[in-house]
Amino acid sequence: MGALIPKRWAKRAVTRNTIRRQIYAVSEDCCLPAAAHVVRLRAGFDRKLFISATSEVLKAAVRVELRQLFERAPALRPSSISGASTT
């Protein structure tokens, strides 16, 4: 599991680290297929809504979005992996 948190969307390092930790924690709880997964932050979190970089509100918001994302992740079947044979 990899996490890309650009400064453009999370200015403070403590915010980026908090989001990164939440990504790793939720990914351990979810049943993702064995593969290389990368989660990239594509939009910022409003600093007016999430005042503290380590607030429980921010952590909960990140976890909700991640769970929704991981639920939509397609499950890979062995026959769909390149190079796998069924014989």
PDB file of N, CA and C in Angstrom:
ATOM      1  N   MET A   1       0.863  -1.169   0.000  1.00  0.00           N
ATOM      2  CA  MET A   1       0.000   0.000   0.000  1.00  0.00           C
ATOM      3  C   MET A   1       0.903   1.222   0.000  1.00  0.00           C
ATOM      4  N   GLY A   2       0.622   2.124  -0.887  1.00  0.00           N
ATOM      5  CA  GLY A   2       1.368   3.370  -0.959  1.00  0.00           C
ATOM      6  C   GLY A   2       0.415   4.541  -0.810  1.00  0.00           C
ATOM      7  N   ALA A   3       0.908   5.648  -0.307  1.00  0.00           N
ATOM      8  CA  ALA A   3       0.090   6.836  -0.118  1.00  0.00           C
ATOM      9  C   ALA A   3       0.831   8.056  -0.646  1.00  0.00           C
ATOM     10  N   LEU A   4       0.169   8.815  -1.505  1.00  0.00           N
ATOM     11  CA  LEU A   4       0.729  10.051  -2.049  1.00  0.00           C
ATOM     12  C   LEU A   4      -0.126  11.211  -1.554  1.00  0.00           C
ATOM     13  N   ILE A   5       0.466  12.049  -0.730  1.00  0.00           N
ATOM     14  CA  ILE A   5      -0.246  13.181  -0.158  1.00  0.00           C
ATOM     15  C   ILE A   5       0.516  14.451  -0.530  1.00  0.00           C
ATOM     16  N   PRO A   6       0.166  15.113  -1.642  1.00  0.00           N
ATOM     17  CA  PRO A   6       0.913  16.291  -2.067  1.00  0.00           C
ATOM     18  C   PRO A   6       0.711  17.497  -1.145  1.00  0.00           C
ATOM     19  N   LYS A   7       1.720  18.327  -1.070  1.00  0.00           N
ATOM     20  CA  LYS A   7       1.635  19.553  -0.275  1.00  0.00           C
ATOM     21  C   LYS A   7       0.552  20.479  -0.797  1.00  0.00           C
ATOM     22  N   ARG A   8       0.259  20.348  -2.061  1.00  0.00           N
ATOM     23  CA  ARG A   8      -0.764  21.200  -2.668  1.00  0.00           C
ATOM     24  C   ARG A   8      -2.110  21.036  -1.961  1.00  0.00           C
ATOM     25  N   TRP A   9      -2.433  19.827  -1.541  1.00  0.00           N
ATOM     26  CA  TRP A   9      -3.733  19.555  -0.943  1.00  0.00           C
ATOM     27  C   TRP A   9      -3.703  19.498   0.580  1.00  0.00           C
ATOM     28  N   ALA A  10      -2.554  19.260   1.164  1.00  0.00           N
ATOM     29  CA  ALA A  10      -2.421  19.248   2.632  1.00  0.00           C
ATOM     30  C   ALA A  10      -1.133  19.980   2.962  1.00  0.00           C
ATOM     31  N   LYS A  11      -1.251  21.235   3.298  1.00  0.00           N
ATOM     32  CA  LYS A  11      -0.083  22.112   3.464  1.00  0.00           C
ATOM     33  C   LYS A  11       0.829  21.691   4.614  1.00  0.00           C
ATOM     34  N   ARG A  12       0.233  21.314   5.736  1.00  0.00           N
ATOM     35  CA  ARG A  12       1.041  21.006   6.913  1.00  0.00           C
ATOM     36  C   ARG A  12       1.460  19.540   6.932  1.00  0.00           C
ATOM     37  N   ALA A  13       2.694  19.312   7.329  1.00  0.00           N
ATOM     38  CA  ALA A  13       3.221  17.940   7.387  1.00  0.00           C
ATOM     39  C   ALA A  13       2.419  17.083   8.363  1.00  0.00           C
ATOM     40  N   VAL A  14       1.963  17.666   9.445  1.00  0.00           N
ATOM     41  CA  VAL A  14       1.205  16.899  10.438  1.00  0.00           C
ATOM     42  C   VAL A  14      -0.117  16.424   9.826  1.00  0.00           C
ATOM     43  N   THR A  15      -0.714  17.222   8.955  1.00  0.00           N
ATOM     44  CA  THR A  15      -1.942  16.814   8.271  1.00  0.00           C
ATOM     45  C   THR A  15      -1.658  15.681   7.297  1.00  0.00           C
ATOM     46  N   ARG A  16      -0.598  15.810   6.519  1.00  0.00           N
ATOM     47  CA  ARG A  16      -0.228  14.759   5.568  1.00  0.00           C
ATOM     48  C   ARG A  16       0.058  13.455   6.294  1.00  0.00           C
ATOM     49  N   ASN A  17       0.759  13.518   7.403  1.00  0.00           N
ATOM     50  CA  ASN A  17       1.083  12.310   8.174  1.00  0.00           C
ATOM     51  C   ASN A  17      -0.170  11.675   8.772  1.00  0.00           C
ATOM     52  N   THR A  18      -1.096  12.501   9.250  1.00  0.00           N
ATOM     53  CA  THR A  18      -2.343  11.986   9.806  1.00  0.00           C
ATOM     54  C   THR A  18      -3.143  11.259   8.737  1.00  0.00           C
ATOM     55  N   ILE A  19      -3.250  11.856   7.551  1.00  0.00           N
ATOM     56  CA  ILE A  19      -3.978  11.232   6.450  1.00  0.00           C
ATOM     57  C   ILE A  19      -3.289   9.937   6.043  1.00  0.00           C
ATOM     58  N   ARG A  20      -1.981   9.949   5.970  1.00  0.00           N
ATOM     59  CA  ARG A  20      -1.218   8.755   5.592  1.00  0.00           C
ATOM     60  C   ARG A  20      -1.446   7.621   6.584  1.00  0.00           C
ATOM     61  N   ARG A  21      -1.436   7.936   7.870  1.00  0.00           N
ATOM     62  CA  ARG A  21      -1.670   6.914   8.896  1.00  0.00           C
ATOM     63  C   ARG A  21      -3.069   6.321   8.780  1.00  0.00           C
ATOM     64  N   GLN A  22      -4.050   7.162   8.454  1.00  0.00           N
ATOM     65  CA  GLN A  22      -5.414   6.679   8.292  1.00  0.00           C
ATOM     66  C   GLN A  22      -5.519   5.750   7.078  1.00  0.00           C
ATOM     67  N   ILE A  23      -4.810   6.076   6.009  1.00  0.00           N
ATOM     68  CA  ILE A  23      -4.808   5.218   4.821  1.00  0.00           C
ATOM     69  C   ILE A  23      -4.276   3.841   5.181  1.00  0.00           C
ATOM     70  N   TYR A  24      -3.165   3.791   5.878  1.00  0.00           N
ATOM     71  CA  TYR A  24      -2.569   2.503   6.244  1.00  0.00           C
ATOM     72  C   TYR A  24      -3.468   1.732   7.204  1.00  0.00           C
ATOM     73  N   ALA A  25      -4.089   2.420   8.156  1.00  0.00           N
ATOM     74  CA  ALA A  25      -4.946   1.745   9.138  1.00  0.00           C
ATOM     75  C   ALA A  25      -6.187   1.151   8.474  1.00  0.00           C
ATOM     76  N   VAL A  26      -6.833   1.905   7.602  1.00  0.00           N
ATOM     77  CA  VAL A  26      -8.040   1.410   6.943  1.00  0.00           C
ATOM     78  C   VAL A  26      -7.694   0.289   5.961  1.00  0.00           C
ATOM     79  N   SER A  27      -6.551   0.396   5.301  1.00  0.00           N
ATOM     80  CA  SER A  27      -6.179  -0.648   4.341  1.00  0.00           C
ATOM     81  C   SER A  27      -5.917  -1.982   5.038  1.00  0.00           C
ATOM     82  N   GLU A  28      -5.458  -1.954   6.276  1.00  0.00           N
ATOM     83  CA  GLU A  28      -5.257  -3.194   7.026  1.00  0.00           C
ATOM     84  C   GLU A  28      -6.592  -3.840   7.406  1.00  0.00           C
ATOM     85  N   ASP A  29      -7.619  -3.011   7.637  1.00  0.00           N
ATOM     86  CA  ASP A  29      -8.931  -3.511   8.026  1.00  0.00           C
ATOM     87  C   ASP A  29      -9.721  -4.062   6.846  1.00  0.00           C
ATOM     88  N   CYS A  30      -9.454  -3.558   5.642  1.00  0.00           N
ATOM     89  CA  CYS A  30     -10.217  -3.961   4.457  1.00  0.00           C
ATOM     90  C   CYS A  30      -9.596  -5.181   3.806  1.00  0.00           C
ATOM     91  N   CYS A  31     -10.427  -5.893   3.102  1.00  0.00           N
ATOM     92  CA  CYS A  31      -9.974  -7.090   2.390  1.00  0.00           C
ATOM     93  C   CYS A  31      -9.672  -6.725   0.943  1.00  0.00           C
ATOM     94  N   LEU A  32      -8.550  -6.118   0.699  1.00  0.00           N
ATOM     95  CA  LEU A  32      -8.144  -5.781  -0.662  1.00  0.00           C
ATOM     96  C   LEU A  32      -7.429  -6.976  -1.270  1.00  0.00           C
ATOM     97  N   PRO A  33      -7.580  -7.166  -2.583  1.00  0.00           N
ATOM     98  CA  PRO A  33      -6.862  -8.257  -3.227  1.00  0.00           C
ATOM     99  C   PRO A  33      -5.355  -8.030  -3.148  1.00  0.00           C
ATOM    100  N   ALA A  34      -4.609  -9.094  -3.181  1.00  0.00           N
ATOM    101  CA  ALA A  34      -3.147  -8.998  -3.128  1.00  0.00           C
ATOM    102  C   ALA A  34      -2.648  -8.333  -4.399  1.00  0.00           C
ATOM    103  N   ALA A  35      -2.161  -7.127  -4.263  1.00  0.00           N
ATOM    104  CA  ALA A  35      -1.648  -6.342  -5.389  1.00  0.00           C
ATOM    105  C   ALA A  35      -0.979  -5.091  -4.824  1.00  0.00           C
ATOM    106  N   ALA A  36      -0.373  -4.341  -5.686  1.00  0.00           N
ATOM    107  CA  ALA A  36       0.205  -3.058  -5.283  1.00  0.00           C
ATOM    108  C   ALA A  36      -0.880  -1.996  -5.423  1.00  0.00           C
ATOM    109  N   HIS A  37      -1.215  -1.342  -4.338  1.00  0.00           N
ATOM    110  CA  HIS A  37      -2.252  -0.310  -4.336  1.00  0.00           C
ATOM    111  C   HIS A  37      -1.615   1.019  -3.959  1.00  0.00           C
ATOM    112  N   VAL A  38      -2.051   2.095  -4.629  1.00  0.00           N
ATOM    113  CA  VAL A  38      -1.589   3.438  -4.317  1.00  0.00           C
ATOM    114  C   VAL A  38      -2.813   4.320  -4.132  1.00  0.00           C
ATOM    115  N   VAL A  39      -2.850   5.048  -3.040  1.00  0.00           N
ATOM    116  CA  VAL A  39      -3.923   5.989  -2.762  1.00  0.00           C
ATOM    117  C   VAL A  39      -3.321   7.382  -2.884  1.00  0.00           C
ATOM    118  N   ARG A  40      -3.964   8.201  -3.711  1.00  0.00           N
ATOM    119  CA  ARG A  40      -3.455   9.551  -3.957  1.00  0.00           C
ATOM    120  C   ARG A  40      -4.523  10.572  -3.593  1.00  0.00           C
ATOM    121  N   LEU A  41      -4.158  11.536  -2.784  1.00  0.00           N
ATOM    122  CA  LEU A  41      -5.070  12.612  -2.406  1.00  0.00           C
ATOM    123  C   LEU A  41      -5.236  13.531  -3.607  1.00  0.00           C
ATOM    124  N   ARG A  42      -6.486  13.726  -4.051  1.00  0.00           N
ATOM    125  CA  ARG A  42      -6.735  14.515  -5.248  1.00  0.00           C
ATOM    126  C   ARG A  42      -7.460  15.816  -4.965  1.00  0.00           C
ATOM    127  N   ALA A  43      -7.841  16.051  -3.733  1.00  0.00           N
ATOM    128  CA  ALA A  43      -8.518  17.287  -3.357  1.00  0.00           C
ATOM    129  C   ALA A  43      -8.151  17.616  -1.922  1.00  0.00           C
ATOM    130  N   GLY A  44      -8.191  18.879  -1.619  1.00  0.00           N
ATOM    131  CA  GLY A  44      -7.798  19.317  -0.286  1.00  0.00           C
ATOM    132  C   GLY A  44      -8.903  19.170   0.739  1.00  0.00           C
ATOM    133  N   PHE A  45      -8.501  19.247   1.986  1.00  0.00           N
ATOM    134  CA  PHE A  45      -9.439  19.273   3.090  1.00  0.00           C
ATOM    135  C   PHE A  45      -9.531  20.716   3.557  1.00  0.00           C
ATOM    136  N   ASP A  46     -10.744  21.224   3.679  1.00  0.00           N
ATOM    137  CA  ASP A  46     -10.970  22.612   4.048  1.00  0.00           C
ATOM    138  C   ASP A  46     -10.464  22.880   5.462  1.00  0.00           C
ATOM    139  N   ARG A  47      -9.518  23.803   5.586  1.00  0.00           N
ATOM    140  CA  ARG A  47      -8.934  24.100   6.906  1.00  0.00           C
ATOM    141  C   ARG A  47      -9.930  24.782   7.817  1.00  0.00           C
ATOM    142  N   LYS A  48     -10.980  25.388   7.278  1.00  0.00           N
ATOM    143  CA  LYS A  48     -12.017  25.994   8.110  1.00  0.00           C
ATOM    144  C   LYS A  48     -12.882  24.921   8.767  1.00  0.00           C
ATOM    145  N   LEU A  49     -13.080  23.829   8.047  1.00  0.00           N
ATOM    146  CA  LEU A  49     -13.876  22.726   8.583  1.00  0.00           C
ATOM    147  C   LEU A  49     -13.047  21.831   9.498  1.00  0.00           C
ATOM    148  N   PHE A  50     -11.799  21.598   9.122  1.00  0.00           N
ATOM    149  CA  PHE A  50     -10.886  20.747   9.902  1.00  0.00           C
ATOM    150  C   PHE A  50      -9.775  21.635  10.464  1.00  0.00           C
ATOM    151  N   ILE A  51     -10.040  22.283  11.558  1.00  0.00           N
ATOM    152  CA  ILE A  51      -9.119  23.261  12.133  1.00  0.00           C
ATOM    153  C   ILE A  51      -7.835  22.597  12.616  1.00  0.00           C
ATOM    154  N   SER A  52      -7.979  21.514  13.345  1.00  0.00           N
ATOM    155  CA  SER A  52      -6.816  20.807  13.865  1.00  0.00           C
ATOM    156  C   SER A  52      -6.403  19.715  12.890  1.00  0.00           C
ATOM    157  N   ALA A  53      -5.105  19.612  12.650  1.00  0.00           N
ATOM    158  CA  ALA A  53      -4.587  18.614  11.713  1.00  0.00           C
ATOM    159  C   ALA A  53      -4.716  17.198  12.244  1.00  0.00           C
ATOM    160  N   THR A  54      -4.855  17.050  13.543  1.00  0.00           N
ATOM    161  CA  THR A  54      -4.960  15.702  14.127  1.00  0.00           C
ATOM    162  C   THR A  54      -6.316  15.484  14.803  1.00  0.00           C
ATOM    163  N   SER A  55      -7.323  16.260  14.398  1.00  0.00           N
ATOM    164  CA  SER A  55      -8.635  16.152  15.033  1.00  0.00           C
ATOM    165  C   SER A  55      -9.323  14.839  14.685  1.00  0.00           C
ATOM    166  N   GLU A  56     -10.185  14.396  15.570  1.00  0.00           N
ATOM    167  CA  GLU A  56     -10.957  13.180  15.331  1.00  0.00           C
ATOM    168  C   GLU A  56     -11.920  13.380  14.165  1.00  0.00           C
ATOM    169  N   VAL A  57     -12.352  14.604  13.934  1.00  0.00           N
ATOM    170  CA  VAL A  57     -13.252  14.893  12.826  1.00  0.00           C
ATOM    171  C   VAL A  57     -12.543  14.645  11.497  1.00  0.00           C
ATOM    172  N   LEU A  58     -11.310  15.085  11.374  1.00  0.00           N
ATOM    173  CA  LEU A  58     -10.531  14.856  10.155  1.00  0.00           C
ATOM    174  C   LEU A  58     -10.279  13.364   9.958  1.00  0.00           C
ATOM    175  N   LYS A  59      -9.878  12.681  11.012  1.00  0.00           N
ATOM    176  CA  LYS A  59      -9.616  11.242  10.922  1.00  0.00           C
ATOM    177  C   LYS A  59     -10.868  10.482  10.489  1.00  0.00           C
ATOM    178  N   ALA A  60     -12.016  10.845  11.051  1.00  0.00           N
ATOM    179  CA  ALA A  60     -13.265  10.170  10.701  1.00  0.00           C
ATOM    180  C   ALA A  60     -13.644  10.441   9.249  1.00  0.00           C
ATOM    181  N   ALA A  61     -13.463  11.668   8.787  1.00  0.00           N
ATOM    182  CA  ALA A  61     -13.781  12.005   7.400  1.00  0.00           C
ATOM    183  C   ALA A  61     -12.902  11.225   6.427  1.00  0.00           C
ATOM    184  N   VAL A  62     -11.624  11.117   6.752  1.00  0.00           N
ATOM    185  CA  VAL A  62     -10.696  10.367   5.898  1.00  0.00           C
ATOM    186  C   VAL A  62     -11.077   8.894   5.879  1.00  0.00           C
ATOM    187  N   ARG A  63     -11.401   8.327   7.037  1.00  0.00           N
ATOM    188  CA  ARG A  63     -11.757   6.913   7.116  1.00  0.00           C
ATOM    189  C   ARG A  63     -13.030   6.612   6.312  1.00  0.00           C
ATOM    190  N   VAL A  64     -14.024   7.494   6.374  1.00  0.00           N
ATOM    191  CA  VAL A  64     -15.265   7.275   5.632  1.00  0.00           C
ATOM    192  C   VAL A  64     -14.976   7.254   4.133  1.00  0.00           C
ATOM    193  N   GLU A  65     -14.216   8.224   3.650  1.00  0.00           N
ATOM    194  CA  GLU A  65     -13.888   8.264   2.224  1.00  0.00           C
ATOM    195  C   GLU A  65     -13.082   7.051   1.792  1.00  0.00           C
ATOM    196  N   LEU A  66     -12.137   6.636   2.629  1.00  0.00           N
ATOM    197  CA  LEU A  66     -11.313   5.477   2.283  1.00  0.00           C
ATOM    198  C   LEU A  66     -12.135   4.197   2.235  1.00  0.00           C
ATOM    199  N   ARG A  67     -13.028   4.008   3.184  1.00  0.00           N
ATOM    200  CA  ARG A  67     -13.858   2.800   3.176  1.00  0.00           C
ATOM    201  C   ARG A  67     -14.720   2.752   1.920  1.00  0.00           C
ATOM    202  N   GLN A  68     -15.277   3.905   1.521  1.00  0.00           N
ATOM    203  CA  GLN A  68     -16.067   3.954   0.283  1.00  0.00           C
ATOM    204  C   GLN A  68     -15.194   3.622  -0.925  1.00  0.00           C
ATOM    205  N   LEU A  69     -13.991   4.132  -0.949  1.00  0.00           N
ATOM    206  CA  LEU A  69     -13.070   3.873  -2.054  1.00  0.00           C
ATOM    207  C   LEU A  69     -12.683   2.400  -2.112  1.00  0.00           C
ATOM    208  N   PHE A  70     -12.337   1.817  -0.972  1.00  0.00           N
ATOM    209  CA  PHE A  70     -11.903   0.427  -0.938  1.00  0.00           C
ATOM    210  C   PHE A  70     -13.046  -0.529  -1.254  1.00  0.00           C
ATOM    211  N   GLU A  71     -14.288  -0.166  -0.928  1.00  0.00           N
ATOM    212  CA  GLU A  71     -15.433  -1.011  -1.263  1.00  0.00           C
ATOM    213  C   GLU A  71     -15.644  -1.073  -2.773  1.00  0.00           C
ATOM    214  N   ARG A  72     -15.291  -0.005  -3.472  1.00  0.00           N
ATOM    215  CA  ARG A  72     -15.446   0.022  -4.932  1.00  0.00           C
ATOM    216  C   ARG A  72     -14.286  -0.636  -5.654  1.00  0.00           C
ATOM    217  N   ALA A  73     -13.208  -0.911  -4.957  1.00  0.00           N
ATOM    218  CA  ALA A  73     -12.032  -1.516  -5.594  1.00  0.00           C
ATOM    219  C   ALA A  73     -12.412  -2.893  -6.133  1.00  0.00           C
ATOM    220  N   PRO A  74     -12.126  -3.127  -7.407  1.00  0.00           N
ATOM    221  CA  PRO A  74     -12.504  -4.420  -7.983  1.00  0.00           C
ATOM    222  C   PRO A  74     -11.660  -5.554  -7.409  1.00  0.00           C
ATOM    223  N   ALA A  75     -12.314  -6.668  -7.202  1.00  0.00           N
ATOM    224  CA  ALA A  75     -11.600  -7.847  -6.722  1.00  0.00           C
ATOM    225  C   ALA A  75     -10.974  -8.544  -7.917  1.00  0.00           C
ATOM    226  N   LEU A  76      -9.689  -8.779  -7.854  1.00  0.00           N
ATOM    227  CA  LEU A  76      -9.000  -9.446  -8.948  1.00  0.00           C
ATOM    228  C   LEU A  76      -9.124 -10.950  -8.795  1.00  0.00           C
ATOM    229  N   ARG A  77      -9.479 -11.617  -9.867  1.00  0.00           N
ATOM    230  CA  ARG A  77      -9.540 -13.069  -9.889  1.00  0.00           C
ATOM    231  C   ARG A  77      -8.258 -13.591 -10.507  1.00  0.00           C
ATOM    232  N   PRO A  78      -7.759 -14.748 -10.109  1.00  0.00           N
ATOM    233  CA  PRO A  78      -6.516 -15.275 -10.667  1.00  0.00           C
ATOM    234  C   PRO A  78      -6.518 -15.358 -12.181  1.00  0.00           C
ATOM    235  N   SER A  79      -7.674 -15.652 -12.813  1.00  0.00           N
ATOM    236  CA  SER A  79      -7.709 -15.762 -14.274  1.00  0.00           C
ATOM    237  C   SER A  79      -7.575 -14.417 -14.956  1.00  0.00           C
ATOM    238  N   SER A  80      -7.830 -13.313 -14.235  1.00  0.00           N
ATOM    239  CA  SER A  80      -7.737 -12.001 -14.855  1.00  0.00           C
ATOM    240  C   SER A  80      -6.335 -11.396 -14.745  1.00  0.00           C
ATOM    241  N   ILE A  81      -5.449 -12.046 -14.002  1.00  0.00           N
ATOM    242  CA  ILE A  81      -4.084 -11.563 -13.847  1.00  0.00           C
ATOM    243  C   ILE A  81      -3.290 -11.981 -15.069  1.00  0.00           C
ATOM    244  N   SER A  82      -2.540 -11.061 -15.601  1.00  0.00           N
ATOM    245  CA  SER A  82      -1.755 -11.330 -16.802  1.00  0.00           C
ATOM    246  C   SER A  82      -0.760 -12.458 -16.552  1.00  0.00           C
ATOM    247  N   GLY A  83      -0.746 -13.416 -17.465  1.00  0.00           N
ATOM    248  CA  GLY A  83       0.207 -14.508 -17.356  1.00  0.00           C
ATOM    249  C   GLY A  83      -0.309 -15.708 -16.576  1.00  0.00           C
ATOM    250  N   ALA A  84      -1.452 -15.612 -15.951  1.00  0.00           N
ATOM    251  CA  ALA A  84      -1.990 -16.726 -15.182  1.00  0.00           C
ATOM    252  C   ALA A  84      -2.713 -17.675 -16.133  1.00  0.00           C
ATOM    253  N   SER A  85      -2.513 -18.947 -15.940  1.00  0.00           N
ATOM    254  CA  SER A  85      -3.202 -19.927 -16.780  1.00  0.00           C
ATOM    255  C   SER A  85      -4.193 -20.697 -15.939  1.00  0.00           C
ATOM    256  N   THR A  86      -5.230 -21.201 -16.625  1.00  0.00           N
ATOM    257  CA  THR A  86      -6.261 -21.947 -15.920  1.00  0.00           C
ATOM    258  C   THR A  86      -6.112 -23.437 -16.085  1.00  0.00           C
ATOM    259  N   THR A  87      -5.028 -23.900 -16.721  1.00  0.00           N
ATOM    260  CA  THR A  87      -4.838 -25.332 -16.929  1.00  0.00           C
ATOM    261  C   THR A  87      -3.867 -25.925 -15.948  1.00  0.00           C
TER     262      THR A  87
END
